PDB file of all heavy atoms in Angstrom:
ATOM      1  N   MET A   1       0.850  -1.177  -0.005  1.00  0.00           N
ATOM      2  CA  MET A   1      -0.003   0.002   0.005  1.00  0.00           C
ATOM      3  C   MET A   1       0.887   1.227   0.003  1.00  0.00           C
ATOM      4  O   MET A   1       1.987   1.215   0.542  1.00  0.00           O
ATOM      5  CB  MET A   1      -0.897   0.040   1.243  1.00  0.00           C
ATOM      6  CG  MET A   1      -1.796  -1.198   1.449  1.00  0.00           C
ATOM      7  SD  MET A   1      -3.175  -1.270   0.347  1.00  0.00           S
ATOM      8  CE  MET A   1      -4.196   0.006   1.013  1.00  0.00           C
ATOM      9  N   ALA A   2       0.385   2.304  -0.614  1.00  0.00           N
ATOM     10  CA  ALA A   2       1.102   3.584  -0.638  1.00  0.00           C
ATOM     11  C   ALA A   2       0.265   4.616   0.102  1.00  0.00           C
ATOM     12  O   ALA A   2      -0.971   4.625   0.020  1.00  0.00           O
ATOM     13  CB  ALA A   2       1.308   4.042  -2.085  1.00  0.00           C
ATOM     14  N   GLN A   3       0.952   5.479   0.842  1.00  0.00           N
ATOM     15  CA  GLN A   3       0.254   6.535   1.581  1.00  0.00           C
ATOM     16  C   GLN A   3       0.279   7.804   0.766  1.00  0.00           C
ATOM     17  O   GLN A   3       1.336   8.242   0.329  1.00  0.00           O
ATOM     18  CB  GLN A   3       0.882   6.761   2.938  1.00  0.00           C
ATOM     19  CG  GLN A   3       0.108   7.697   3.821  1.00  0.00           C
ATOM     20  CD  GLN A   3       0.757   7.903   5.173  1.00  0.00           C
ATOM     21  OE1 GLN A   3       1.959   7.924   5.293  1.00  0.00           O
ATOM     22  NE2 GLN A   3      -0.059   8.066   6.180  1.00  0.00           N
ATOM     23  N   ARG A   4      -0.873   8.419   0.581  1.00  0.00           N
ATOM     24  CA  ARG A   4      -0.980   9.685  -0.172  1.00  0.00           C
ATOM     25  C   ARG A   4      -0.234  10.773   0.580  1.00  0.00           C
ATOM     26  O   ARG A   4      -0.239  10.838   1.802  1.00  0.00           O
ATOM     27  CB  ARG A   4      -2.441  10.091  -0.344  1.00  0.00           C
ATOM     28  CG  ARG A   4      -3.171   9.196  -1.305  1.00  0.00           C
ATOM     29  CD  ARG A   4      -4.564   9.704  -1.530  1.00  0.00           C
ATOM     30  NE  ARG A   4      -5.241   8.880  -2.503  1.00  0.00           N
ATOM     31  CZ  ARG A   4      -6.357   9.204  -3.106  1.00  0.00           C
ATOM     32  NH1 ARG A   4      -6.936  10.351  -2.839  1.00  0.00           N
ATOM     33  NH2 ARG A   4      -6.910   8.403  -3.969  1.00  0.00           N
ATOM     34  N   ARG A   5       0.371  11.681  -0.203  1.00  0.00           N
ATOM     35  CA  ARG A   5       1.034  12.829   0.402  1.00  0.00           C
ATOM     36  C   ARG A   5      -0.002  13.629   1.181  1.00  0.00           C
ATOM     37  O   ARG A   5      -1.156  13.735   0.790  1.00  0.00           O
ATOM     38  CB  ARG A   5       1.664  13.709  -0.676  1.00  0.00           C
ATOM     39  CG  ARG A   5       2.839  13.034  -1.361  1.00  0.00           C
ATOM     40  CD  ARG A   5       3.456  13.996  -2.371  1.00  0.00           C
ATOM     41  NE  ARG A   5       4.421  13.360  -3.185  1.00  0.00           N
ATOM     42  CZ  ARG A   5       5.736  13.319  -2.906  1.00  0.00           C
ATOM     43  NH1 ARG A   5       6.185  13.905  -1.822  1.00  0.00           N
ATOM     44  NH2 ARG A   5       6.578  12.701  -3.686  1.00  0.00           N
ATOM     45  N   LEU A   6       0.424  14.236   2.283  1.00  0.00           N
ATOM     46  CA  LEU A   6      -0.493  14.960   3.160  1.00  0.00           C
ATOM     47  C   LEU A   6      -1.195  16.084   2.424  1.00  0.00           C
ATOM     48  O   LEU A   6      -2.352  16.379   2.717  1.00  0.00           O
ATOM     49  CB  LEU A   6       0.265  15.463   4.380  1.00  0.00           C
ATOM     50  CG  LEU A   6       0.833  14.337   5.261  1.00  0.00           C
ATOM     51  CD1 LEU A   6       1.618  14.940   6.430  1.00  0.00           C
ATOM     52  CD2 LEU A   6      -0.241  13.406   5.768  1.00  0.00           C
ATOM     53  N   GLN A   7      -0.531  16.744   1.477  1.00  0.00           N
ATOM     54  CA  GLN A   7      -1.105  17.903   0.795  1.00  0.00           C
ATOM     55  C   GLN A   7      -2.038  17.488  -0.363  1.00  0.00           C
ATOM     56  O   GLN A   7      -2.730  18.331  -0.916  1.00  0.00           O
ATOM     57  CB  GLN A   7      -0.021  18.859   0.293  1.00  0.00           C
ATOM     58  CG  GLN A   7       0.861  18.265  -0.817  1.00  0.00           C
ATOM     59  CD  GLN A   7       2.098  17.538  -0.325  1.00  0.00           C
ATOM     60  OE1 GLN A   7       2.144  17.096   0.812  1.00  0.00           O
ATOM     61  NE2 GLN A   7       3.097  17.451  -1.172  1.00  0.00           N
ATOM     62  N   ASP A   8      -2.102  16.192  -0.709  1.00  0.00           N
ATOM     63  CA  ASP A   8      -2.953  15.725  -1.785  1.00  0.00           C
ATOM     64  C   ASP A   8      -4.397  15.515  -1.297  1.00  0.00           C
ATOM     65  O   ASP A   8      -4.654  15.479  -0.118  1.00  0.00           O
ATOM     66  CB  ASP A   8      -2.419  14.401  -2.351  1.00  0.00           C
ATOM     67  CG  ASP A   8      -1.122  14.557  -3.084  1.00  0.00           C
ATOM     68  OD1 ASP A   8      -0.741  15.718  -3.410  1.00  0.00           O
ATOM     69  OD2 ASP A   8      -0.436  13.542  -3.315  1.00  0.00           O
ATOM     70  N   SER A   9      -5.297  15.365  -2.279  1.00  0.00           N
ATOM     71  CA  SER A   9      -6.679  15.005  -1.951  1.00  0.00           C
ATOM     72  C   SER A   9      -6.678  13.727  -1.134  1.00  0.00           C
ATOM     73  O   SER A   9      -5.954  12.768  -1.445  1.00  0.00           O
ATOM     74  CB  SER A   9      -7.424  14.801  -3.273  1.00  0.00           C
ATOM     75  OG  SER A   9      -8.669  14.207  -3.030  1.00  0.00           O
ATOM     76  N   GLU A  10      -7.432  13.713  -0.046  1.00  0.00           N
ATOM     77  CA  GLU A  10      -7.475  12.554   0.862  1.00  0.00           C
ATOM     78  C   GLU A  10      -6.084  12.219   1.395  1.00  0.00           C
ATOM     79  O   GLU A  10      -5.717  11.051   1.602  1.00  0.00           O
ATOM     80  CB  GLU A  10      -8.133  11.365   0.198  1.00  0.00           C
ATOM     81  CG  GLU A  10      -9.524  11.713  -0.349  1.00  0.00           C
ATOM     82  CD  GLU A  10     -10.551  10.624  -0.252  1.00  0.00           C
ATOM     83  OE1 GLU A  10     -10.559   9.929   0.804  1.00  0.00           O
ATOM     84  OE2 GLU A  10     -11.311  10.504  -1.192  1.00  0.00           O
ATOM     85  N   GLY A  11      -5.294  13.285   1.651  1.00  0.00           N
ATOM     86  CA  GLY A  11      -3.914  13.135   2.123  1.00  0.00           C
ATOM     87  C   GLY A  11      -3.825  12.286   3.364  1.00  0.00           C
ATOM     88  O   GLY A  11      -4.662  12.374   4.268  1.00  0.00           O
ATOM     89  N   GLY A  12      -2.774  11.454   3.410  1.00  0.00           N
ATOM     90  CA  GLY A  12      -2.521  10.612   4.548  1.00  0.00           C
ATOM     91  C   GLY A  12      -3.198   9.257   4.471  1.00  0.00           C
ATOM     92  O   GLY A  12      -2.860   8.348   5.244  1.00  0.00           O
ATOM     93  N   LYS A  13      -4.178   9.091   3.587  1.00  0.00           N
ATOM     94  CA  LYS A  13      -4.848   7.791   3.469  1.00  0.00           C
ATOM     95  C   LYS A  13      -3.975   6.805   2.707  1.00  0.00           C
ATOM     96  O   LYS A  13      -3.137   7.184   1.892  1.00  0.00           O
ATOM     97  CB  LYS A  13      -6.222   7.964   2.775  1.00  0.00           C
ATOM     98  CG  LYS A  13      -7.193   8.734   3.662  1.00  0.00           C
ATOM     99  CD  LYS A  13      -8.570   8.729   3.065  1.00  0.00           C
ATOM    100  CE  LYS A  13      -9.524   9.469   4.002  1.00  0.00           C
ATOM    101  NZ  LYS A  13     -10.883   9.523   3.454  1.00  0.00           N
ATOM    102  N   TRP A  14      -4.182   5.532   2.985  1.00  0.00           N
ATOM    103  CA  TRP A  14      -3.449   4.452   2.330  1.00  0.00           C
ATOM    104  C   TRP A  14      -4.257   3.912   1.155  1.00  0.00           C
ATOM    105  O   TRP A  14      -5.468   3.759   1.264  1.00  0.00           O
ATOM    106  CB  TRP A  14      -3.170   3.348   3.322  1.00  0.00           C
ATOM    107  CG  TRP A  14      -2.135   3.762   4.338  1.00  0.00           C
ATOM    108  CD1 TRP A  14      -2.382   4.411   5.530  1.00  0.00           C
ATOM    109  CD2 TRP A  14      -0.734   3.583   4.247  1.00  0.00           C
ATOM    110  NE1 TRP A  14      -1.206   4.637   6.177  1.00  0.00           N
ATOM    111  CE2 TRP A  14      -0.182   4.174   5.409  1.00  0.00           C
ATOM    112  CE3 TRP A  14       0.117   3.039   3.324  1.00  0.00           C
ATOM    113  CZ2 TRP A  14       1.204   4.168   5.671  1.00  0.00           C
ATOM    114  CZ3 TRP A  14       1.480   3.035   3.559  1.00  0.00           C
ATOM    115  CH2 TRP A  14       2.013   3.602   4.722  1.00  0.00           C
ATOM    116  N   GLU A  15      -3.565   3.634   0.057  1.00  0.00           N
ATOM    117  CA  GLU A  15      -4.242   3.181  -1.165  1.00  0.00           C
ATOM    118  C   GLU A  15      -3.404   2.154  -1.873  1.00  0.00           C
ATOM    119  O   GLU A  15      -2.218   2.019  -1.648  1.00  0.00           O
ATOM    120  CB  GLU A  15      -4.515   4.367  -2.105  1.00  0.00           C
ATOM    121  CG  GLU A  15      -3.261   4.984  -2.617  1.00  0.00           C
ATOM    122  CD  GLU A  15      -3.496   6.236  -3.473  1.00  0.00           C
ATOM    123  OE1 GLU A  15      -4.664   6.541  -3.790  1.00  0.00           O
ATOM    124  OE2 GLU A  15      -2.508   6.879  -3.875  1.00  0.00           O
ATOM    125  N   PHE A  16      -4.091   1.431  -2.760  1.00  0.00           N
ATOM    126  CA  PHE A  16      -3.353   0.529  -3.675  1.00  0.00           C
ATOM    127  C   PHE A  16      -2.692   1.445  -4.687  1.00  0.00           C
ATOM    128  O   PHE A  16      -3.342   2.326  -5.274  1.00  0.00           O
ATOM    129  CB  PHE A  16      -4.311  -0.464  -4.313  1.00  0.00           C
ATOM    130  CG  PHE A  16      -4.858  -1.454  -3.321  1.00  0.00           C
ATOM    131  CD1 PHE A  16      -6.099  -1.209  -2.708  1.00  0.00           C
ATOM    132  CD2 PHE A  16      -4.145  -2.571  -2.940  1.00  0.00           C
ATOM    133  CE1 PHE A  16      -6.604  -2.075  -1.766  1.00  0.00           C
ATOM    134  CE2 PHE A  16      -4.638  -3.432  -2.006  1.00  0.00           C
ATOM    135  CZ  PHE A  16      -5.854  -3.188  -1.393  1.00  0.00           C
ATOM    136  N   PRO A  17      -1.374   1.296  -4.916  1.00  0.00           N
ATOM    137  CA  PRO A  17      -0.644   2.230  -5.755  1.00  0.00           C
ATOM    138  C   PRO A  17      -1.122   2.241  -7.198  1.00  0.00           C
ATOM    139  O   PRO A  17      -1.563   1.200  -7.709  1.00  0.00           O
ATOM    140  CB  PRO A  17       0.805   1.786  -5.640  1.00  0.00           C
ATOM    141  CG  PRO A  17       0.756   0.378  -5.169  1.00  0.00           C
ATOM    142  CD  PRO A  17      -0.527   0.208  -4.387  1.00  0.00           C
ATOM    143  N   GLY A  18      -1.027   3.373  -7.823  1.00  0.00           N
ATOM    144  CA  GLY A  18      -1.431   3.519  -9.232  1.00  0.00           C
ATOM    145  C   GLY A  18      -1.685   4.960  -9.537  1.00  0.00           C
ATOM    146  O   GLY A  18      -1.151   5.872  -8.870  1.00  0.00           O
ATOM    147  N   GLY A  19      -2.517   5.227 -10.521  1.00  0.00           N
ATOM    148  CA  GLY A  19      -2.810   6.619 -10.876  1.00  0.00           C
ATOM    149  C   GLY A  19      -3.650   6.718 -12.094  1.00  0.00           C
ATOM    150  O   GLY A  19      -4.162   5.735 -12.651  1.00  0.00           O
ATOM    151  N   LYS A  20      -3.813   7.974 -12.539  1.00  0.00           N
ATOM    152  CA  LYS A  20      -4.686   8.298 -13.667  1.00  0.00           C
ATOM    153  C   LYS A  20      -4.129   7.796 -15.004  1.00  0.00           C
ATOM    154  O   LYS A  20      -2.932   7.869 -15.242  1.00  0.00           O
ATOM    155  CB  LYS A  20      -4.887   9.811 -13.767  1.00  0.00           C
ATOM    156  CG  LYS A  20      -5.623  10.398 -12.605  1.00  0.00           C
ATOM    157  CD  LYS A  20      -5.697  11.903 -12.755  1.00  0.00           C
ATOM    158  CE  LYS A  20      -6.245  12.488 -11.462  1.00  0.00           C
ATOM    159  NZ  LYS A  20      -6.078  13.923 -11.383  1.00  0.00           N
ATOM    160  N   VAL A  21      -5.049   7.347 -15.834  1.00  0.00           N
ATOM    161  CA  VAL A  21      -4.705   6.936 -17.194  1.00  0.00           C
ATOM    162  C   VAL A  21      -4.668   8.221 -18.022  1.00  0.00           C
ATOM    163  O   VAL A  21      -5.640   8.968 -18.033  1.00  0.00           O
ATOM    164  CB  VAL A  21      -5.735   5.928 -17.765  1.00  0.00           C
ATOM    165  CG1 VAL A  21      -5.428   5.620 -19.212  1.00  0.00           C
ATOM    166  CG2 VAL A  21      -5.773   4.678 -16.916  1.00  0.00           C
ATOM    167  N   GLU A  22      -3.552   8.461 -18.687  1.00  0.00           N
ATOM    168  CA  GLU A  22      -3.429   9.655 -19.558  1.00  0.00           C
ATOM    169  C   GLU A  22      -4.153   9.398 -20.870  1.00  0.00           C
ATOM    170  O   GLU A  22      -4.379   8.246 -21.279  1.00  0.00           O
ATOM    171  CB  GLU A  22      -1.939   9.931 -19.845  1.00  0.00           C
ATOM    172  CG  GLU A  22      -1.111  10.192 -18.571  1.00  0.00           C
ATOM    173  CD  GLU A  22      -1.490  11.465 -17.869  1.00  0.00           C
ATOM    174  OE1 GLU A  22      -2.018  12.393 -18.511  1.00  0.00           O
ATOM    175  OE2 GLU A  22      -1.279  11.527 -16.633  1.00  0.00           O
ATOM    176  N   TRP A  23      -4.527  10.516 -21.549  1.00  0.00           N
ATOM    177  CA  TRP A  23      -5.230  10.439 -22.818  1.00  0.00           C
ATOM    178  C   TRP A  23      -4.453   9.570 -23.791  1.00  0.00           C
ATOM    179  O   TRP A  23      -3.253   9.747 -24.010  1.00  0.00           O
ATOM    180  CB  TRP A  23      -5.414  11.861 -23.377  1.00  0.00           C
ATOM    181  CG  TRP A  23      -6.101  11.840 -24.712  1.00  0.00           C
ATOM    182  CD1 TRP A  23      -5.547  12.070 -25.930  1.00  0.00           C
ATOM    183  CD2 TRP A  23      -7.491  11.571 -24.952  1.00  0.00           C
ATOM    184  NE1 TRP A  23      -6.480  11.943 -26.910  1.00  0.00           N
ATOM    185  CE2 TRP A  23      -7.694  11.642 -26.325  1.00  0.00           C
ATOM    186  CE3 TRP A  23      -8.555  11.249 -24.131  1.00  0.00           C
ATOM    187  CZ2 TRP A  23      -8.936  11.421 -26.914  1.00  0.00           C
ATOM    188  CZ3 TRP A  23      -9.804  11.044 -24.721  1.00  0.00           C
ATOM    189  CH2 TRP A  23      -9.963  11.118 -26.108  1.00  0.00           C
ATOM    190  N   GLY A  24      -5.110   8.584 -24.408  1.00  0.00           N
ATOM    191  CA  GLY A  24      -4.517   7.715 -25.413  1.00  0.00           C
ATOM    192  C   GLY A  24      -3.713   6.568 -24.834  1.00  0.00           C
ATOM    193  O   GLY A  24      -3.170   5.753 -25.576  1.00  0.00           O
ATOM    194  N   GLU A  25      -3.607   6.459 -23.539  1.00  0.00           N
ATOM    195  CA  GLU A  25      -2.807   5.455 -22.892  1.00  0.00           C
ATOM    196  C   GLU A  25      -3.671   4.210 -22.587  1.00  0.00           C
ATOM    197  O   GLU A  25      -4.794   4.333 -22.174  1.00  0.00           O
ATOM    198  CB  GLU A  25      -2.247   6.054 -21.592  1.00  0.00           C
ATOM    199  CG  GLU A  25      -1.083   5.316 -20.981  1.00  0.00           C
ATOM    200  CD  GLU A  25      -0.501   6.096 -19.784  1.00  0.00           C
ATOM    201  OE1 GLU A  25      -1.244   6.745 -19.047  1.00  0.00           O
ATOM    202  OE2 GLU A  25       0.720   6.037 -19.620  1.00  0.00           O
ATOM    203  N   GLU A  26      -3.100   3.046 -22.773  1.00  0.00           N
ATOM    204  CA  GLU A  26      -3.784   1.800 -22.422  1.00  0.00           C
ATOM    205  C   GLU A  26      -3.657   1.626 -20.910  1.00  0.00           C
ATOM    206  O   GLU A  26      -2.617   1.941 -20.337  1.00  0.00           O
ATOM    207  CB  GLU A  26      -3.104   0.663 -23.192  1.00  0.00           C
ATOM    208  CG  GLU A  26      -3.865  -0.653 -23.218  1.00  0.00           C
ATOM    209  CD  GLU A  26      -3.616  -1.507 -21.985  1.00  0.00           C
ATOM    210  OE1 GLU A  26      -2.523  -1.479 -21.431  1.00  0.00           O
ATOM    211  OE2 GLU A  26      -4.562  -2.209 -21.558  1.00  0.00           O
ATOM    212  N   PRO A  27      -4.707   1.163 -20.196  1.00  0.00           N
ATOM    213  CA  PRO A  27      -4.659   1.090 -18.742  1.00  0.00           C
ATOM    214  C   PRO A  27      -3.474   0.308 -18.160  1.00  0.00           C
ATOM    215  O   PRO A  27      -2.857   0.737 -17.192  1.00  0.00           O
ATOM    216  CB  PRO A  27      -5.991   0.416 -18.383  1.00  0.00           C
ATOM    217  CG  PRO A  27      -6.914   0.857 -19.464  1.00  0.00           C
ATOM    218  CD  PRO A  27      -6.053   0.866 -20.716  1.00  0.00           C
ATOM    219  N   ARG A  28      -3.123  -0.822 -18.734  1.00  0.00           N
ATOM    220  CA  ARG A  28      -1.973  -1.594 -18.199  1.00  0.00           C
ATOM    221  C   ARG A  28      -0.671  -0.804 -18.396  1.00  0.00           C
ATOM    222  O   ARG A  28       0.186  -0.810 -17.532  1.00  0.00           O
ATOM    223  CB  ARG A  28      -1.874  -2.957 -18.853  1.00  0.00           C
ATOM    224  CG  ARG A  28      -2.892  -3.962 -18.310  1.00  0.00           C
ATOM    225  CD  ARG A  28      -2.734  -5.317 -18.986  1.00  0.00           C
ATOM    226  NE  ARG A  28      -3.578  -6.299 -18.352  1.00  0.00           N
ATOM    227  CZ  ARG A  28      -4.879  -6.471 -18.619  1.00  0.00           C
ATOM    228  NH1 ARG A  28      -5.466  -5.707 -19.524  1.00  0.00           N
ATOM    229  NH2 ARG A  28      -5.571  -7.406 -17.988  1.00  0.00           N
ATOM    230  N   GLN A  29      -0.539  -0.159 -19.525  1.00  0.00           N
ATOM    231  CA  GLN A  29       0.660   0.685 -19.782  1.00  0.00           C
ATOM    232  C   GLN A  29       0.689   1.822 -18.758  1.00  0.00           C
ATOM    233  O   GLN A  29       1.753   2.143 -18.242  1.00  0.00           O
ATOM    234  CB  GLN A  29       0.536   1.217 -21.209  1.00  0.00           C
ATOM    235  CG  GLN A  29       1.648   2.168 -21.616  1.00  0.00           C
ATOM    236  CD  GLN A  29       1.370   2.751 -22.991  1.00  0.00           C
ATOM    237  OE1 GLN A  29       0.236   3.085 -23.332  1.00  0.00           O
ATOM    238  NE2 GLN A  29       2.420   2.922 -23.768  1.00  0.00           N
ATOM    239  N   SER A  30      -0.450   2.414 -18.468  1.00  0.00           N
ATOM    240  CA  SER A  30      -0.530   3.496 -17.492  1.00  0.00           C
ATOM    241  C   SER A  30      -0.087   3.003 -16.101  1.00  0.00           C
ATOM    242  O   SER A  30       0.693   3.681 -15.414  1.00  0.00           O
ATOM    243  CB  SER A  30      -1.965   4.012 -17.404  1.00  0.00           C
ATOM    244  OG  SER A  30      -2.120   4.869 -16.319  1.00  0.00           O
ATOM    245  N   LEU A  31      -0.556   1.843 -15.681  1.00  0.00           N
ATOM    246  CA  LEU A  31      -0.200   1.318 -14.384  1.00  0.00           C
ATOM    247  C   LEU A  31       1.288   1.005 -14.298  1.00  0.00           C
ATOM    248  O   LEU A  31       1.958   1.286 -13.287  1.00  0.00           O
ATOM    249  CB  LEU A  31      -1.043   0.057 -14.037  1.00  0.00           C
ATOM    250  CG  LEU A  31      -0.869  -0.482 -12.641  1.00  0.00           C
ATOM    251  CD1 LEU A  31      -1.076   0.577 -11.550  1.00  0.00           C
ATOM    252  CD2 LEU A  31      -1.835  -1.675 -12.440  1.00  0.00           C
ATOM    253  N   TYR A  32       1.831   0.444 -15.349  1.00  0.00           N
ATOM    254  CA  TYR A  32       3.283   0.169 -15.401  1.00  0.00           C
ATOM    255  C   TYR A  32       4.058   1.483 -15.179  1.00  0.00           C
ATOM    256  O   TYR A  32       4.971   1.543 -14.358  1.00  0.00           O
ATOM    257  CB  TYR A  32       3.636  -0.460 -16.750  1.00  0.00           C
ATOM    258  CG  TYR A  32       5.094  -0.829 -16.877  1.00  0.00           C
ATOM    259  CD1 TYR A  32       5.562  -2.055 -16.406  1.00  0.00           C
ATOM    260  CD2 TYR A  32       5.989   0.043 -17.450  1.00  0.00           C
ATOM    261  CE1 TYR A  32       6.891  -2.415 -16.538  1.00  0.00           C
ATOM    262  CE2 TYR A  32       7.328  -0.302 -17.564  1.00  0.00           C
ATOM    263  CZ  TYR A  32       7.789  -1.515 -17.102  1.00  0.00           C
ATOM    264  OH  TYR A  32       9.115  -1.847 -17.226  1.00  0.00           O
ATOM    265  N   ARG A  33       3.650   2.531 -15.887  1.00  0.00           N
ATOM    266  CA  ARG A  33       4.321   3.825 -15.750  1.00  0.00           C
ATOM    267  C   ARG A  33       4.136   4.416 -14.357  1.00  0.00           C
ATOM    268  O   ARG A  33       5.090   4.879 -13.735  1.00  0.00           O
ATOM    269  CB  ARG A  33       3.740   4.820 -16.811  1.00  0.00           C
ATOM    270  CG  ARG A  33       4.223   6.250 -16.678  1.00  0.00           C
ATOM    271  CD  ARG A  33       3.518   7.199 -17.611  1.00  0.00           C
ATOM    272  NE  ARG A  33       2.074   7.189 -17.533  1.00  0.00           N
ATOM    273  CZ  ARG A  33       1.360   7.744 -16.541  1.00  0.00           C
ATOM    274  NH1 ARG A  33       1.962   8.332 -15.511  1.00  0.00           N
ATOM    275  NH2 ARG A  33       0.023   7.684 -16.540  1.00  0.00           N
ATOM    276  N   GLU A  34       2.918   4.343 -13.826  1.00  0.00           N
ATOM    277  CA  GLU A  34       2.626   4.896 -12.500  1.00  0.00           C
ATOM    278  C   GLU A  34       3.456   4.203 -11.423  1.00  0.00           C
ATOM    279  O   GLU A  34       3.929   4.853 -10.480  1.00  0.00           O
ATOM    280  CB  GLU A  34       1.136   4.796 -12.184  1.00  0.00           C
ATOM    281  CG  GLU A  34       0.292   5.776 -12.956  1.00  0.00           C
ATOM    282  CD  GLU A  34       0.377   7.211 -12.427  1.00  0.00           C
ATOM    283  OE1 GLU A  34       0.977   7.453 -11.351  1.00  0.00           O
ATOM    284  OE2 GLU A  34      -0.183   8.109 -13.097  1.00  0.00           O
ATOM    285  N   LEU A  35       3.620   2.895 -11.517  1.00  0.00           N
ATOM    286  CA  LEU A  35       4.407   2.164 -10.514  1.00  0.00           C
ATOM    287  C   LEU A  35       5.870   2.565 -10.557  1.00  0.00           C
ATOM    288  O   LEU A  35       6.512   2.650  -9.512  1.00  0.00           O
ATOM    289  CB  LEU A  35       4.239   0.653 -10.676  1.00  0.00           C
ATOM    290  CG  LEU A  35       2.838   0.147 -10.347  1.00  0.00           C
ATOM    291  CD1 LEU A  35       2.711  -1.337 -10.699  1.00  0.00           C
ATOM    292  CD2 LEU A  35       2.467   0.391  -8.915  1.00  0.00           C
ATOM    293  N   GLN A  36       6.389   2.848 -11.745  1.00  0.00           N
ATOM    294  CA  GLN A  36       7.762   3.338 -11.869  1.00  0.00           C
ATOM    295  C   GLN A  36       7.887   4.713 -11.227  1.00  0.00           C
ATOM    296  O   GLN A  36       8.809   4.997 -10.479  1.00  0.00           O
ATOM    297  CB  GLN A  36       8.202   3.418 -13.318  1.00  0.00           C
ATOM    298  CG  GLN A  36       8.532   2.056 -13.896  1.00  0.00           C
ATOM    299  CD  GLN A  36       9.061   2.178 -15.305  1.00  0.00           C
ATOM    300  OE1 GLN A  36       8.431   2.710 -16.196  1.00  0.00           O
ATOM    301  NE2 GLN A  36      10.269   1.659 -15.497  1.00  0.00           N
ATOM    302  N   GLU A  37       6.939   5.632 -11.549  1.00  0.00           N
ATOM    303  CA  GLU A  37       6.967   6.994 -11.057  1.00  0.00           C
ATOM    304  C   GLU A  37       6.738   7.070  -9.533  1.00  0.00           C
ATOM    305  O   GLU A  37       7.398   7.843  -8.868  1.00  0.00           O
ATOM    306  CB  GLU A  37       5.929   7.855 -11.765  1.00  0.00           C
ATOM    307  CG  GLU A  37       6.212   8.075 -13.236  1.00  0.00           C
ATOM    308  CD  GLU A  37       5.104   8.802 -13.964  1.00  0.00           C
ATOM    309  OE1 GLU A  37       4.063   9.151 -13.354  1.00  0.00           O
ATOM    310  OE2 GLU A  37       5.240   8.984 -15.193  1.00  0.00           O
ATOM    311  N   GLU A  38       5.781   6.300  -9.043  1.00  0.00           N
ATOM    312  CA  GLU A  38       5.355   6.432  -7.629  1.00  0.00           C
ATOM    313  C   GLU A  38       6.242   5.618  -6.686  1.00  0.00           C
ATOM    314  O   GLU A  38       6.524   6.059  -5.588  1.00  0.00           O
ATOM    315  CB  GLU A  38       3.901   5.970  -7.550  1.00  0.00           C
ATOM    316  CG  GLU A  38       3.247   6.241  -6.211  1.00  0.00           C
ATOM    317  CD  GLU A  38       1.769   5.928  -6.230  1.00  0.00           C
ATOM    318  OE1 GLU A  38       1.123   6.021  -7.266  1.00  0.00           O
ATOM    319  OE2 GLU A  38       1.270   5.531  -5.149  1.00  0.00           O
TER     320      GLU A  38
END
């Protein structure tokens, strides 16, 4: 689990890591990218 930054929306809460799918991006490709970035 990843904890959201305190200044982010719902800051401090724990979540399954990931993020938003960018325009034109395939969801699996997006998750692969997000896991590298996060």
